[in-house]
Amino acid sequence: MAQNPNVDEAMEQEEMTVTLTLDDGSELECVVLTIFDAGEREYIALLPMEGEEAEEGEVYLYRYSEDAEGNPSLENIEDDDEYEIVADAFDQLLDDQEYDELIGEDDAE
């Protein structure tokens, strides 16, 4: 039986984290859930690793880009309409992933 190479690759990848500096100067370490496209831009979804936000499962969404050297940059999403588009795209991504996992479980039985 052939193994799924995507599963092997995912297991080999380390969990990527980002440290955010908040408006009050405090720092919050977050797990990178995914980088995804919405509209004409890329966005990143971050999940705090500790604190009240982590317990509530609050996800932070930011604009994501890389400079010519590949250094990442995060920007706040200031526009409500843009945020709605990004949040909807992230929700759809979660729905698709959950559906894929359900189908995968059915295939395994």
PDB file of N, CA and C in Angstrom:
ATOM      1  N   MET A   1       0.843  -1.180   0.000  1.00  0.00           N
ATOM      2  CA  MET A   1       0.000   0.000   0.000  1.00  0.00           C
ATOM      3  C   MET A   1       0.887   1.242   0.000  1.00  0.00           C
ATOM      4  N   ALA A   2       0.654   2.155  -0.899  1.00  0.00           N
ATOM      5  CA  ALA A   2       1.454   3.378  -1.002  1.00  0.00           C
ATOM      6  C   ALA A   2       1.001   4.373   0.062  1.00  0.00           C
ATOM      7  N   GLN A   3       1.976   5.053   0.655  1.00  0.00           N
ATOM      8  CA  GLN A   3       1.651   6.075   1.642  1.00  0.00           C
ATOM      9  C   GLN A   3       1.392   7.395   0.941  1.00  0.00           C
ATOM     10  N   ASN A   4       0.571   8.203   1.552  1.00  0.00           N
ATOM     11  CA  ASN A   4       0.266   9.526   1.020  1.00  0.00           C
ATOM     12  C   ASN A   4       1.454  10.452   1.282  1.00  0.00           C
ATOM     13  N   PRO A   5       2.143  10.930   0.228  1.00  0.00           N
ATOM     14  CA  PRO A   5       3.323  11.773   0.443  1.00  0.00           C
ATOM     15  C   PRO A   5       2.979  13.099   1.131  1.00  0.00           C
ATOM     16  N   ASN A   6       1.763  13.608   0.945  1.00  0.00           N
ATOM     17  CA  ASN A   6       1.383  14.860   1.594  1.00  0.00           C
ATOM     18  C   ASN A   6       1.338  14.710   3.106  1.00  0.00           C
ATOM     19  N   VAL A   7       0.882  13.563   3.580  1.00  0.00           N
ATOM     20  CA  VAL A   7       0.840  13.312   5.014  1.00  0.00           C
ATOM     21  C   VAL A   7       2.253  13.242   5.564  1.00  0.00           C
ATOM     22  N   ASP A   8       3.138  12.534   4.861  1.00  0.00           N
ATOM     23  CA  ASP A   8       4.526  12.433   5.314  1.00  0.00           C
ATOM     24  C   ASP A   8       5.184  13.810   5.370  1.00  0.00           C
ATOM     25  N   GLU A   9       4.958  14.625   4.340  1.00  0.00           N
ATOM     26  CA  GLU A   9       5.552  15.962   4.311  1.00  0.00           C
ATOM     27  C   GLU A   9       5.009  16.813   5.439  1.00  0.00           C
ATOM     28  N   ALA A  10       3.730  16.739   5.694  1.00  0.00           N
ATOM     29  CA  ALA A  10       3.123  17.551   6.752  1.00  0.00           C
ATOM     30  C   ALA A  10       3.686  17.162   8.116  1.00  0.00           C
ATOM     31  N   MET A  11       3.927  15.883   8.325  1.00  0.00           N
ATOM     32  CA  MET A  11       4.461  15.436   9.602  1.00  0.00           C
ATOM     33  C   MET A  11       5.904  15.895   9.785  1.00  0.00           C
ATOM     34  N   GLU A  12       6.630  16.055   8.684  1.00  0.00           N
ATOM     35  CA  GLU A  12       8.020  16.471   8.770  1.00  0.00           C
ATOM     36  C   GLU A  12       8.158  17.973   9.001  1.00  0.00           C
ATOM     37  N   GLN A  13       7.141  18.742   8.607  1.00  0.00           N
ATOM     38  CA  GLN A  13       7.220  20.189   8.760  1.00  0.00           C
ATOM     39  C   GLN A  13       7.042  20.571  10.224  1.00  0.00           C
ATOM     40  N   GLU A  14       7.880  21.503  10.664  1.00  0.00           N
ATOM     41  CA  GLU A  14       7.741  21.992  12.027  1.00  0.00           C
ATOM     42  C   GLU A  14       6.621  23.023  12.062  1.00  0.00           C
ATOM     43  N   GLU A  15       6.037  23.173  13.243  1.00  0.00           N
ATOM     44  CA  GLU A  15       4.991  24.160  13.430  1.00  0.00           C
ATOM     45  C   GLU A  15       5.609  25.554  13.330  1.00  0.00           C
ATOM     46  N   MET A  16       5.115  26.368  12.408  1.00  0.00           N
ATOM     47  CA  MET A  16       5.640  27.722  12.248  1.00  0.00           C
ATOM     48  C   MET A  16       4.922  28.653  13.220  1.00  0.00           C
ATOM     49  N   THR A  17       5.693  29.527  13.857  1.00  0.00           N
ATOM     50  CA  THR A  17       5.108  30.496  14.781  1.00  0.00           C
ATOM     51  C   THR A  17       5.552  31.907  14.399  1.00  0.00           C
ATOM     52  N   VAL A  18       4.760  32.867  14.859  1.00  0.00           N
ATOM     53  CA  VAL A  18       5.038  34.284  14.655  1.00  0.00           C
ATOM     54  C   VAL A  18       4.819  34.972  15.996  1.00  0.00           C
ATOM     55  N   THR A  19       5.685  35.913  16.336  1.00  0.00           N
ATOM     56  CA  THR A  19       5.491  36.704  17.544  1.00  0.00           C
ATOM     57  C   THR A  19       4.970  38.076  17.139  1.00  0.00           C
ATOM     58  N   LEU A  20       3.746  38.380  17.587  1.00  0.00           N
ATOM     59  CA  LEU A  20       3.138  39.678  17.296  1.00  0.00           C
ATOM     60  C   LEU A  20       3.454  40.648  18.420  1.00  0.00           C
ATOM     61  N   THR A  21       3.744  41.900  18.072  1.00  0.00           N
ATOM     62  CA  THR A  21       3.857  42.957  19.061  1.00  0.00           C
ATOM     63  C   THR A  21       2.554  43.736  19.001  1.00  0.00           C
ATOM     64  N   LEU A  22       1.807  43.708  20.096  1.00  0.00           N
ATOM     65  CA  LEU A  22       0.485  44.331  20.143  1.00  0.00           C
ATOM     66  C   LEU A  22       0.603  45.830  20.397  1.00  0.00           C
ATOM     67  N   ASP A  23      -0.523  46.534  20.249  1.00  0.00           N
ATOM     68  CA  ASP A  23      -0.542  47.990  20.412  1.00  0.00           C
ATOM     69  C   ASP A  23      -0.039  48.436  21.782  1.00  0.00           C
ATOM     70  N   ASP A  24      -0.259  47.621  22.812  1.00  0.00           N
ATOM     71  CA  ASP A  24       0.185  48.004  24.156  1.00  0.00           C
ATOM     72  C   ASP A  24       1.648  47.632  24.423  1.00  0.00           C
ATOM     73  N   GLY A  25       2.346  47.117  23.399  1.00  0.00           N
ATOM     74  CA  GLY A  25       3.752  46.766  23.539  1.00  0.00           C
ATOM     75  C   GLY A  25       3.995  45.336  23.985  1.00  0.00           C
ATOM     76  N   SER A  26       2.940  44.628  24.375  1.00  0.00           N
ATOM     77  CA  SER A  26       3.115  43.239  24.786  1.00  0.00           C
ATOM     78  C   SER A  26       3.296  42.353  23.546  1.00  0.00           C
ATOM     79  N   GLU A  27       3.853  41.171  23.780  1.00  0.00           N
ATOM     80  CA  GLU A  27       4.087  40.243  22.676  1.00  0.00           C
ATOM     81  C   GLU A  27       3.195  39.020  22.840  1.00  0.00           C
ATOM     82  N   LEU A  28       2.779  38.474  21.717  1.00  0.00           N
ATOM     83  CA  LEU A  28       1.894  37.318  21.707  1.00  0.00           C
ATOM     84  C   LEU A  28       2.403  36.343  20.661  1.00  0.00           C
ATOM     85  N   GLU A  29       2.738  35.124  21.098  1.00  0.00           N
ATOM     86  CA  GLU A  29       3.213  34.117  20.149  1.00  0.00           C
ATOM     87  C   GLU A  29       2.012  33.382  19.566  1.00  0.00           C
ATOM     88  N   CYS A  30       2.028  33.244  18.231  1.00  0.00           N
ATOM     89  CA  CYS A  30       0.915  32.632  17.515  1.00  0.00           C
ATOM     90  C   CYS A  30       1.427  31.540  16.575  1.00  0.00           C
ATOM     91  N   VAL A  31       0.587  30.534  16.365  1.00  0.00           N
ATOM     92  CA  VAL A  31       0.852  29.488  15.389  1.00  0.00           C
ATOM     93  C   VAL A  31       0.305  29.954  14.048  1.00  0.00           C
ATOM     94  N   VAL A  32       1.079  29.758  12.983  1.00  0.00           N
ATOM     95  CA  VAL A  32       0.611  30.066  11.640  1.00  0.00           C
ATOM     96  C   VAL A  32      -0.308  28.924  11.203  1.00  0.00           C
ATOM     97  N   LEU A  33      -1.595  29.234  11.033  1.00  0.00           N
ATOM     98  CA  LEU A  33      -2.549  28.223  10.582  1.00  0.00           C
ATOM     99  C   LEU A  33      -2.428  28.004   9.082  1.00  0.00           C
ATOM    100  N   THR A  34      -2.413  29.101   8.338  1.00  0.00           N
ATOM    101  CA  THR A  34      -2.315  29.007   6.888  1.00  0.00           C
ATOM    102  C   THR A  34      -2.050  30.379   6.289  1.00  0.00           C
ATOM    103  N   ILE A  35      -1.536  30.366   5.071  1.00  0.00           N
ATOM    104  CA  ILE A  35      -1.417  31.559   4.239  1.00  0.00           C
ATOM    105  C   ILE A  35      -2.305  31.276   3.037  1.00  0.00           C
ATOM    106  N   PHE A  36      -3.207  32.195   2.719  1.00  0.00           N
ATOM    107  CA  PHE A  36      -4.192  31.937   1.679  1.00  0.00           C
ATOM    108  C   PHE A  36      -4.465  33.188   0.853  1.00  0.00           C
ATOM    109  N   ASP A  37      -5.027  32.975  -0.331  1.00  0.00           N
ATOM    110  CA  ASP A  37      -5.383  34.072  -1.227  1.00  0.00           C
ATOM    111  C   ASP A  37      -6.831  34.468  -1.005  1.00  0.00           C
ATOM    112  N   ALA A  38      -7.086  35.769  -1.089  1.00  0.00           N
ATOM    113  CA  ALA A  38      -8.446  36.304  -1.092  1.00  0.00           C
ATOM    114  C   ALA A  38      -8.396  37.564  -1.952  1.00  0.00           C
ATOM    115  N   GLY A  39      -9.196  37.593  -2.990  1.00  0.00           N
ATOM    116  CA  GLY A  39      -9.122  38.723  -3.906  1.00  0.00           C
ATOM    117  C   GLY A  39      -7.779  38.723  -4.603  1.00  0.00           C
ATOM    118  N   GLU A  40      -7.125  39.848  -4.607  1.00  0.00           N
ATOM    119  CA  GLU A  40      -5.843  40.009  -5.300  1.00  0.00           C
ATOM    120  C   GLU A  40      -4.632  39.889  -4.369  1.00  0.00           C
ATOM    121  N   ARG A  41      -4.858  39.553  -3.096  1.00  0.00           N
ATOM    122  CA  ARG A  41      -3.765  39.566  -2.120  1.00  0.00           C
ATOM    123  C   ARG A  41      -3.655  38.251  -1.370  1.00  0.00           C
ATOM    124  N   GLU A  42      -2.544  38.136  -0.618  1.00  0.00           N
ATOM    125  CA  GLU A  42      -2.358  36.992   0.267  1.00  0.00           C
ATOM    126  C   GLU A  42      -2.608  37.448   1.696  1.00  0.00           C
ATOM    127  N   TYR A  43      -3.122  36.508   2.493  1.00  0.00           N
ATOM    128  CA  TYR A  43      -3.418  36.777   3.893  1.00  0.00           C
ATOM    129  C   TYR A  43      -2.892  35.629   4.733  1.00  0.00           C
ATOM    130  N   ILE A  44      -2.742  35.902   6.037  1.00  0.00           N
ATOM    131  CA  ILE A  44      -2.245  34.884   6.954  1.00  0.00           C
ATOM    132  C   ILE A  44      -3.231  34.773   8.111  1.00  0.00           C
ATOM    133  N   ALA A  45      -3.456  33.551   8.570  1.00  0.00           N
ATOM    134  CA  ALA A  45      -4.319  33.287   9.723  1.00  0.00           C
ATOM    135  C   ALA A  45      -3.433  32.803  10.864  1.00  0.00           C
ATOM    136  N   LEU A  46      -3.545  33.475  12.003  1.00  0.00           N
ATOM    137  CA  LEU A  46      -2.719  33.165  13.167  1.00  0.00           C
ATOM    138  C   LEU A  46      -3.601  32.796  14.352  1.00  0.00           C
ATOM    139  N   LEU A  47      -3.162  31.793  15.118  1.00  0.00           N
ATOM    140  CA  LEU A  47      -3.876  31.365  16.314  1.00  0.00           C
ATOM    141  C   LEU A  47      -2.961  31.563  17.521  1.00  0.00           C
ATOM    142  N   PRO A  48      -3.369  32.411  18.489  1.00  0.00           N
ATOM    143  CA  PRO A  48      -2.543  32.617  19.680  1.00  0.00           C
ATOM    144  C   PRO A  48      -2.292  31.292  20.403  1.00  0.00           C
ATOM    145  N   MET A  49      -1.097  31.155  20.980  1.00  0.00           N
ATOM    146  CA  MET A  49      -0.709  29.909  21.641  1.00  0.00           C
ATOM    147  C   MET A  49      -1.086  29.890  23.116  1.00  0.00           C
ATOM    148  N   GLU A  50      -1.305  31.059  23.706  1.00  0.00           N
ATOM    149  CA  GLU A  50      -1.650  31.102  25.129  1.00  0.00           C
ATOM    150  C   GLU A  50      -2.513  32.318  25.403  1.00  0.00           C
ATOM    151  N   GLY A  51      -3.088  32.353  26.607  1.00  0.00           N
ATOM    152  CA  GLY A  51      -3.928  33.466  26.998  1.00  0.00           C
ATOM    153  C   GLY A  51      -5.390  33.249  26.644  1.00  0.00           C
ATOM    154  N   GLU A  52      -6.179  34.262  26.928  1.00  0.00           N
ATOM    155  CA  GLU A  52      -7.624  34.191  26.720  1.00  0.00           C
ATOM    156  C   GLU A  52      -7.984  33.955  25.256  1.00  0.00           C
ATOM    157  N   GLU A  53      -7.235  34.601  24.340  1.00  0.00           N
ATOM    158  CA  GLU A  53      -7.511  34.439  22.914  1.00  0.00           C
ATOM    159  C   GLU A  53      -7.343  32.987  22.475  1.00  0.00           C
ATOM    160  N   ALA A  54      -6.329  32.313  23.015  1.00  0.00           N
ATOM    161  CA  ALA A  54      -6.075  30.915  22.666  1.00  0.00           C
ATOM    162  C   ALA A  54      -7.202  30.017  23.174  1.00  0.00           C
ATOM    163  N   GLU A  55      -7.652  30.288  24.391  1.00  0.00           N
ATOM    164  CA  GLU A  55      -8.727  29.487  24.974  1.00  0.00           C
ATOM    165  C   GLU A  55     -10.017  29.623  24.185  1.00  0.00           C
ATOM    166  N   GLU A  56     -10.258  30.822  23.653  1.00  0.00           N
ATOM    167  CA  GLU A  56     -11.479  31.067  22.889  1.00  0.00           C
ATOM    168  C   GLU A  56     -11.332  30.650  21.430  1.00  0.00           C
ATOM    169  N   GLY A  57     -10.123  30.275  21.007  1.00  0.00           N
ATOM    170  CA  GLY A  57      -9.905  29.878  19.616  1.00  0.00           C
ATOM    171  C   GLY A  57      -9.975  31.052  18.657  1.00  0.00           C
ATOM    172  N   GLU A  58      -9.659  32.249  19.158  1.00  0.00           N
ATOM    173  CA  GLU A  58      -9.700  33.452  18.330  1.00  0.00           C
ATOM    174  C   GLU A  58      -8.578  33.414  17.295  1.00  0.00           C
ATOM    175  N   VAL A  59      -8.921  33.666  16.047  1.00  0.00           N
ATOM    176  CA  VAL A  59      -7.956  33.659  14.953  1.00  0.00           C
ATOM    177  C   VAL A  59      -7.734  35.098  14.498  1.00  0.00           C
ATOM    178  N   TYR A  60      -6.463  35.463  14.298  1.00  0.00           N
ATOM    179  CA  TYR A  60      -6.109  36.788  13.792  1.00  0.00           C
ATOM    180  C   TYR A  60      -5.819  36.686  12.304  1.00  0.00           C
ATOM    181  N   LEU A  61      -6.372  37.613  11.542  1.00  0.00           N
ATOM    182  CA  LEU A  61      -6.152  37.662  10.096  1.00  0.00           C
ATOM    183  C   LEU A  61      -5.397  38.937   9.754  1.00  0.00           C
ATOM    184  N   TYR A  62      -4.340  38.797   8.945  1.00  0.00           N
ATOM    185  CA  TYR A  62      -3.520  39.929   8.505  1.00  0.00           C
ATOM    186  C   TYR A  62      -3.232  39.806   7.018  1.00  0.00           C
ATOM    187  N   ARG A  63      -2.966  40.962   6.389  1.00  0.00           N
ATOM    188  CA  ARG A  63      -2.418  40.939   5.025  1.00  0.00           C
ATOM    189  C   ARG A  63      -1.007  40.387   5.133  1.00  0.00           C
ATOM    190  N   TYR A  64      -0.624  39.566   4.151  1.00  0.00           N
ATOM    191  CA  TYR A  64       0.698  38.931   4.165  1.00  0.00           C
ATOM    192  C   TYR A  64       1.411  39.243   2.860  1.00  0.00           C
ATOM    193  N   SER A  65       2.681  39.575   2.970  1.00  0.00           N
ATOM    194  CA  SER A  65       3.506  39.766   1.771  1.00  0.00           C
ATOM    195  C   SER A  65       4.952  39.437   2.128  1.00  0.00           C
ATOM    196  N   GLU A  66       5.750  39.273   1.083  1.00  0.00           N
ATOM    197  CA  GLU A  66       7.182  39.041   1.259  1.00  0.00           C
ATOM    198  C   GLU A  66       7.937  40.039   0.399  1.00  0.00           C
ATOM    199  N   ASP A  67       9.082  40.519   0.911  1.00  0.00           N
ATOM    200  CA  ASP A  67       9.904  41.419   0.112  1.00  0.00           C
ATOM    201  C   ASP A  67      10.767  40.607  -0.853  1.00  0.00           C
ATOM    202  N   ALA A  68      11.630  41.270  -1.597  1.00  0.00           N
ATOM    203  CA  ALA A  68      12.451  40.607  -2.616  1.00  0.00           C
ATOM    204  C   ALA A  68      13.351  39.522  -2.029  1.00  0.00           C
ATOM    205  N   GLU A  69      13.731  39.671  -0.751  1.00  0.00           N
ATOM    206  CA  GLU A  69      14.589  38.676  -0.098  1.00  0.00           C
ATOM    207  C   GLU A  69      13.791  37.550   0.555  1.00  0.00           C
ATOM    208  N   GLY A  70      12.460  37.623   0.473  1.00  0.00           N
ATOM    209  CA  GLY A  70      11.617  36.593   1.064  1.00  0.00           C
ATOM    210  C   GLY A  70      11.276  36.826   2.522  1.00  0.00           C
ATOM    211  N   ASN A  71      11.552  38.036   3.033  1.00  0.00           N
ATOM    212  CA  ASN A  71      11.214  38.350   4.414  1.00  0.00           C
ATOM    213  C   ASN A  71       9.724  38.664   4.515  1.00  0.00           C
ATOM    214  N   PRO A  72       9.013  38.010   5.450  1.00  0.00           N
ATOM    215  CA  PRO A  72       7.567  38.224   5.555  1.00  0.00           C
ATOM    216  C   PRO A  72       7.215  39.564   6.181  1.00  0.00           C
ATOM    217  N   SER A  73       6.040  40.067   5.803  1.00  0.00           N
ATOM    218  CA  SER A  73       5.522  41.306   6.352  1.00  0.00           C
ATOM    219  C   SER A  73       4.025  41.135   6.595  1.00  0.00           C
ATOM    220  N   LEU A  74       3.559  41.571   7.759  1.00  0.00           N
ATOM    221  CA  LEU A  74       2.144  41.521   8.091  1.00  0.00           C
ATOM    222  C   LEU A  74       1.608  42.934   8.214  1.00  0.00           C
ATOM    223  N   GLU A  75       0.399  43.145   7.688  1.00  0.00           N
ATOM    224  CA  GLU A  75      -0.256  44.447   7.789  1.00  0.00           C
ATOM    225  C   GLU A  75      -1.664  44.254   8.322  1.00  0.00           C
ATOM    226  N   ASN A  76      -2.101  45.197   9.153  1.00  0.00           N
ATOM    227  CA  ASN A  76      -3.474  45.172   9.627  1.00  0.00           C
ATOM    228  C   ASN A  76      -4.430  45.363   8.465  1.00  0.00           C
ATOM    229  N   ILE A  77      -5.600  44.756   8.558  1.00  0.00           N
ATOM    230  CA  ILE A  77      -6.662  44.961   7.573  1.00  0.00           C
ATOM    231  C   ILE A  77      -7.550  46.061   8.146  1.00  0.00           C
ATOM    232  N   GLU A  78      -7.457  47.254   7.571  1.00  0.00           N
ATOM    233  CA  GLU A  78      -8.158  48.420   8.100  1.00  0.00           C
ATOM    234  C   GLU A  78      -9.583  48.549   7.574  1.00  0.00           C
ATOM    235  N   ASP A  79      -9.833  48.065   6.369  1.00  0.00           N
ATOM    236  CA  ASP A  79     -11.109  48.252   5.694  1.00  0.00           C
ATOM    237  C   ASP A  79     -12.087  47.130   6.073  1.00  0.00           C
ATOM    238  N   ASP A  80     -13.290  47.499   6.521  1.00  0.00           N
ATOM    239  CA  ASP A  80     -14.281  46.508   6.937  1.00  0.00           C
ATOM    240  C   ASP A  80     -14.691  45.594   5.792  1.00  0.00           C
ATOM    241  N   ASP A  81     -14.852  46.152   4.588  1.00  0.00           N
ATOM    242  CA  ASP A  81     -15.248  45.338   3.438  1.00  0.00           C
ATOM    243  C   ASP A  81     -14.158  44.318   3.107  1.00  0.00           C
ATOM    244  N   GLU A  82     -12.898  44.770   3.130  1.00  0.00           N
ATOM    245  CA  GLU A  82     -11.787  43.851   2.867  1.00  0.00           C
ATOM    246  C   GLU A  82     -11.762  42.755   3.927  1.00  0.00           C
ATOM    247  N   TYR A  83     -11.964  43.122   5.195  1.00  0.00           N
ATOM    248  CA  TYR A  83     -11.946  42.134   6.271  1.00  0.00           C
ATOM    249  C   TYR A  83     -13.039  41.085   6.063  1.00  0.00           C
ATOM    250  N   GLU A  84     -14.225  41.522   5.659  1.00  0.00           N
ATOM    251  CA  GLU A  84     -15.324  40.578   5.414  1.00  0.00           C
ATOM    252  C   GLU A  84     -14.957  39.574   4.316  1.00  0.00           C
ATOM    253  N   ILE A  85     -14.325  40.059   3.242  1.00  0.00           N
ATOM    254  CA  ILE A  85     -13.903  39.189   2.142  1.00  0.00           C
ATOM    255  C   ILE A  85     -12.893  38.160   2.654  1.00  0.00           C
ATOM    256  N   VAL A  86     -11.932  38.629   3.449  1.00  0.00           N
ATOM    257  CA  VAL A  86     -10.887  37.755   3.972  1.00  0.00           C
ATOM    258  C   VAL A  86     -11.476  36.741   4.957  1.00  0.00           C
ATOM    259  N   ALA A  87     -12.342  37.194   5.849  1.00  0.00           N
ATOM    260  CA  ALA A  87     -12.959  36.300   6.829  1.00  0.00           C
ATOM    261  C   ALA A  87     -13.806  35.234   6.124  1.00  0.00           C
ATOM    262  N   ASP A  88     -14.553  35.634   5.106  1.00  0.00           N
ATOM    263  CA  ASP A  88     -15.363  34.673   4.347  1.00  0.00           C
ATOM    264  C   ASP A  88     -14.478  33.650   3.639  1.00  0.00           C
ATOM    265  N   ALA A  89     -13.364  34.125   3.060  1.00  0.00           N
ATOM    266  CA  ALA A  89     -12.441  33.210   2.373  1.00  0.00           C
ATOM    267  C   ALA A  89     -11.833  32.222   3.362  1.00  0.00           C
ATOM    268  N   PHE A  90     -11.481  32.696   4.566  1.00  0.00           N
ATOM    269  CA  PHE A  90     -10.915  31.818   5.587  1.00  0.00           C
ATOM    270  C   PHE A  90     -11.956  30.803   6.048  1.00  0.00           C
ATOM    271  N   ASP A  91     -13.192  31.254   6.265  1.00  0.00           N
ATOM    272  CA  ASP A  91     -14.266  30.332   6.660  1.00  0.00           C
ATOM    273  C   ASP A  91     -14.486  29.258   5.596  1.00  0.00           C
ATOM    274  N   GLN A  92     -14.453  29.662   4.325  1.00  0.00           N
ATOM    275  CA  GLN A  92     -14.629  28.701   3.234  1.00  0.00           C
ATOM    276  C   GLN A  92     -13.483  27.698   3.226  1.00  0.00           C
ATOM    277  N   LEU A  93     -12.273  28.181   3.476  1.00  0.00           N
ATOM    278  CA  LEU A  93     -11.104  27.306   3.551  1.00  0.00           C
ATOM    279  C   LEU A  93     -11.282  26.270   4.658  1.00  0.00           C
ATOM    280  N   LEU A  94     -11.782  26.704   5.814  1.00  0.00           N
ATOM    281  CA  LEU A  94     -12.024  25.780   6.925  1.00  0.00           C
ATOM    282  C   LEU A  94     -13.106  24.775   6.567  1.00  0.00           C
ATOM    283  N   ASP A  95     -14.179  25.257   5.934  1.00  0.00           N
ATOM    284  CA  ASP A  95     -15.263  24.352   5.521  1.00  0.00           C
ATOM    285  C   ASP A  95     -14.747  23.304   4.546  1.00  0.00           C
ATOM    286  N   ASP A  96     -13.945  23.735   3.566  1.00  0.00           N
ATOM    287  CA  ASP A  96     -13.394  22.802   2.576  1.00  0.00           C
ATOM    288  C   ASP A  96     -12.495  21.773   3.248  1.00  0.00           C
ATOM    289  N   GLN A  97     -11.666  22.221   4.191  1.00  0.00           N
ATOM    290  CA  GLN A  97     -10.742  21.323   4.872  1.00  0.00           C
ATOM    291  C   GLN A  97     -11.523  20.314   5.712  1.00  0.00           C
ATOM    292  N   GLU A  98     -12.546  20.782   6.415  1.00  0.00           N
ATOM    293  CA  GLU A  98     -13.365  19.886   7.228  1.00  0.00           C
ATOM    294  C   GLU A  98     -14.055  18.855   6.338  1.00  0.00           C
ATOM    295  N   TYR A  99     -14.553  19.293   5.193  1.00  0.00           N
ATOM    296  CA  TYR A  99     -15.197  18.385   4.251  1.00  0.00           C
ATOM    297  C   TYR A  99     -14.200  17.332   3.762  1.00  0.00           C
ATOM    298  N   ASP A 100     -12.993  17.785   3.409  1.00  0.00           N
ATOM    299  CA  ASP A 100     -11.955  16.856   2.947  1.00  0.00           C
ATOM    300  C   ASP A 100     -11.619  15.836   4.026  1.00  0.00           C
ATOM    301  N   GLU A 101     -11.557  16.282   5.286  1.00  0.00           N
ATOM    302  CA  GLU A 101     -11.249  15.359   6.377  1.00  0.00           C
ATOM    303  C   GLU A 101     -12.372  14.349   6.560  1.00  0.00           C
ATOM    304  N   LEU A 102     -13.631  14.802   6.440  1.00  0.00           N
ATOM    305  CA  LEU A 102     -14.761  13.889   6.570  1.00  0.00           C
ATOM    306  C   LEU A 102     -14.747  12.844   5.464  1.00  0.00           C
ATOM    307  N   ILE A 103     -14.496  13.284   4.231  1.00  0.00           N
ATOM    308  CA  ILE A 103     -14.436  12.366   3.094  1.00  0.00           C
ATOM    309  C   ILE A 103     -13.287  11.385   3.293  1.00  0.00           C
ATOM    310  N   GLY A 104     -12.148  11.881   3.761  1.00  0.00           N
ATOM    311  CA  GLY A 104     -10.985  11.032   4.013  1.00  0.00           C
ATOM    312  C   GLY A 104     -11.279   9.967   5.043  1.00  0.00           C
ATOM    313  N   GLU A 105     -12.039  10.329   6.097  1.00  0.00           N
ATOM    314  CA  GLU A 105     -12.400   9.365   7.129  1.00  0.00           C
ATOM    315  C   GLU A 105     -13.325   8.294   6.562  1.00  0.00           C
ATOM    316  N   ASP A 106     -14.260   8.700   5.686  1.00  0.00           N
ATOM    317  CA  ASP A 106     -15.176   7.744   5.076  1.00  0.00           C
ATOM    318  C   ASP A 106     -14.416   6.747   4.201  1.00  0.00           C
ATOM    319  N   ASP A 107     -13.410   7.229   3.481  1.00  0.00           N
ATOM    320  CA  ASP A 107     -12.611   6.365   2.618  1.00  0.00           C
ATOM    321  C   ASP A 107     -11.819   5.342   3.428  1.00  0.00           C
ATOM    322  N   ALA A 108     -11.413   5.715   4.634  1.00  0.00           N
ATOM    323  CA  ALA A 108     -10.566   4.843   5.447  1.00  0.00           C
ATOM    324  C   ALA A 108     -11.364   3.683   6.039  1.00  0.00           C
ATOM    325  N   GLU A 109     -12.672   3.835   6.135  1.00  0.00           N
ATOM    326  CA  GLU A 109     -13.498   2.780   6.767  1.00  0.00           C
ATOM    327  C   GLU A 109     -13.751   1.637   5.840  1.00  0.00           C
TER     328      GLU A 109
END
